[in-house]
Protein backbone atom coordinates (compact mmCIF):
# COMPACT_ATOMS: atom_id res chain seq x y z
CA MET A 1 -22.79 -9.72 -17.09
CA ALA A 2 -22.50 -12.44 -14.43
CA PRO A 3 -22.47 -11.34 -10.77
CA LEU A 4 -19.06 -11.03 -9.14
CA GLU A 5 -18.24 -14.13 -7.10
CA PRO A 6 -15.49 -14.44 -4.48
CA ASP A 7 -12.54 -16.74 -5.06
CA LEU A 8 -12.25 -18.33 -1.60
CA ASP A 9 -8.75 -19.61 -2.41
CA ARG A 10 -7.25 -16.26 -3.48
CA ASP A 11 -9.32 -13.23 -2.42
CA VAL A 12 -9.00 -11.14 0.75
CA ILE A 13 -11.87 -11.71 3.21
CA VAL A 14 -12.68 -9.80 6.41
CA LYS A 15 -14.72 -11.73 8.97
CA HIS A 16 -16.13 -10.58 12.30
CA VAL A 17 -15.83 -13.22 15.02
CA HIS A 18 -18.18 -12.54 17.92
CA ARG A 19 -17.25 -12.95 21.59
CA ASP A 20 -19.36 -16.08 22.03
CA GLN A 21 -17.62 -17.99 19.20
CA PRO A 22 -14.80 -20.31 20.32
CA GLU A 23 -12.24 -18.91 17.84
CA SER A 24 -12.63 -15.38 19.25
CA GLY A 25 -10.86 -16.20 22.53
CA GLY A 26 -13.65 -14.45 24.42
CA HIS A 27 -13.21 -11.18 22.53
CA GLY A 28 -14.90 -9.78 19.45
CA ARG A 29 -12.27 -9.72 16.71
CA TRP A 30 -11.97 -8.94 13.01
CA ILE A 31 -9.96 -11.55 11.14
CA VAL A 32 -8.40 -10.94 7.73
CA PHE A 33 -7.86 -13.93 5.44
CA LEU A 34 -6.00 -14.29 2.17
CA GLY A 35 -7.80 -17.27 0.76
CA SER A 36 -8.03 -19.71 3.64
CA ALA A 37 -4.87 -18.42 5.37
CA LYS A 38 -5.35 -16.09 8.33
CA ARG A 39 -3.21 -12.98 7.80
CA GLY A 40 -4.31 -10.77 10.66
CA GLU A 41 -6.56 -10.43 13.69
CA LEU A 42 -7.59 -6.95 14.80
CA GLU A 43 -9.86 -5.42 17.41
CA SER A 44 -11.61 -2.84 15.23
CA ALA A 45 -13.46 -3.04 11.94
CA GLN A 46 -11.66 0.02 10.62
CA ALA A 47 -8.19 -1.39 11.34
CA ALA A 48 -9.15 -4.73 9.78
CA CYS A 49 -10.47 -3.03 6.65
CA VAL A 50 -7.40 -0.84 6.24
CA PHE A 51 -5.12 -3.87 6.64
CA ALA A 52 -7.29 -5.87 4.21
CA ARG A 53 -7.18 -3.03 1.64
CA LEU A 54 -3.38 -2.90 1.83
CA LEU A 55 -3.17 -6.67 1.48
CA ALA A 56 -5.63 -6.69 -1.45
CA ASP A 57 -3.61 -3.98 -3.20
CA LEU A 58 -0.40 -5.92 -2.62
CA VAL A 59 -1.72 -9.21 -4.02
CA LYS A 60 -3.97 -7.50 -6.61
CA ARG A 61 -7.13 -9.31 -5.48
CA PRO A 62 -10.58 -8.06 -4.49
CA MET A 63 -11.65 -7.87 -0.86
CA TRP A 64 -14.89 -9.07 0.72
CA ILE A 65 -16.71 -8.73 4.03
CA ASP A 66 -18.21 -11.93 5.43
CA HIS A 67 -21.65 -11.11 6.83
CA GLU A 68 -22.64 -14.20 8.80
CA ARG A 69 -26.28 -14.33 7.76
CA GLU A 70 -26.01 -12.62 4.39
CA GLY A 71 -22.85 -14.15 2.93
CA LEU A 72 -19.93 -12.39 1.29
CA GLU A 73 -20.23 -8.85 -0.04
CA PRO A 74 -17.56 -7.10 -2.13
CA LEU A 75 -15.96 -4.10 -0.44
CA ASP A 76 -15.53 -0.82 -2.22
CA PRO A 77 -12.07 0.64 -1.48
CA GLY A 78 -13.61 4.12 -1.36
CA SER A 79 -15.81 3.16 1.57
CA ILE A 80 -12.81 2.80 3.87
CA ARG A 81 -11.52 6.39 3.78
CA GLY A 82 -12.42 8.26 6.96
CA GLY A 83 -14.69 5.57 8.32
CA THR A 84 -15.34 1.91 8.54
CA CYS A 85 -15.99 -0.58 5.79
CA CYS A 86 -17.93 -3.04 7.86
């Protein structure tokens, strides 16, 4: 079986933007994308993951976390309950 690969045009992706990056506005933020379209910007990883899970359920697409140095990793919906996914 081939490894699962993200569809960057259709899947839900959660990305952490650090304070020193220009797009963060000076604050660490978690940004949720549906494909290349930004759908939300939140202050906490847990809030971003809950929003991303709801969005993924709505559009029936998988969700991913974008680890800057390690690439995209699929997120398990069960990892969000009672904690953080990121």
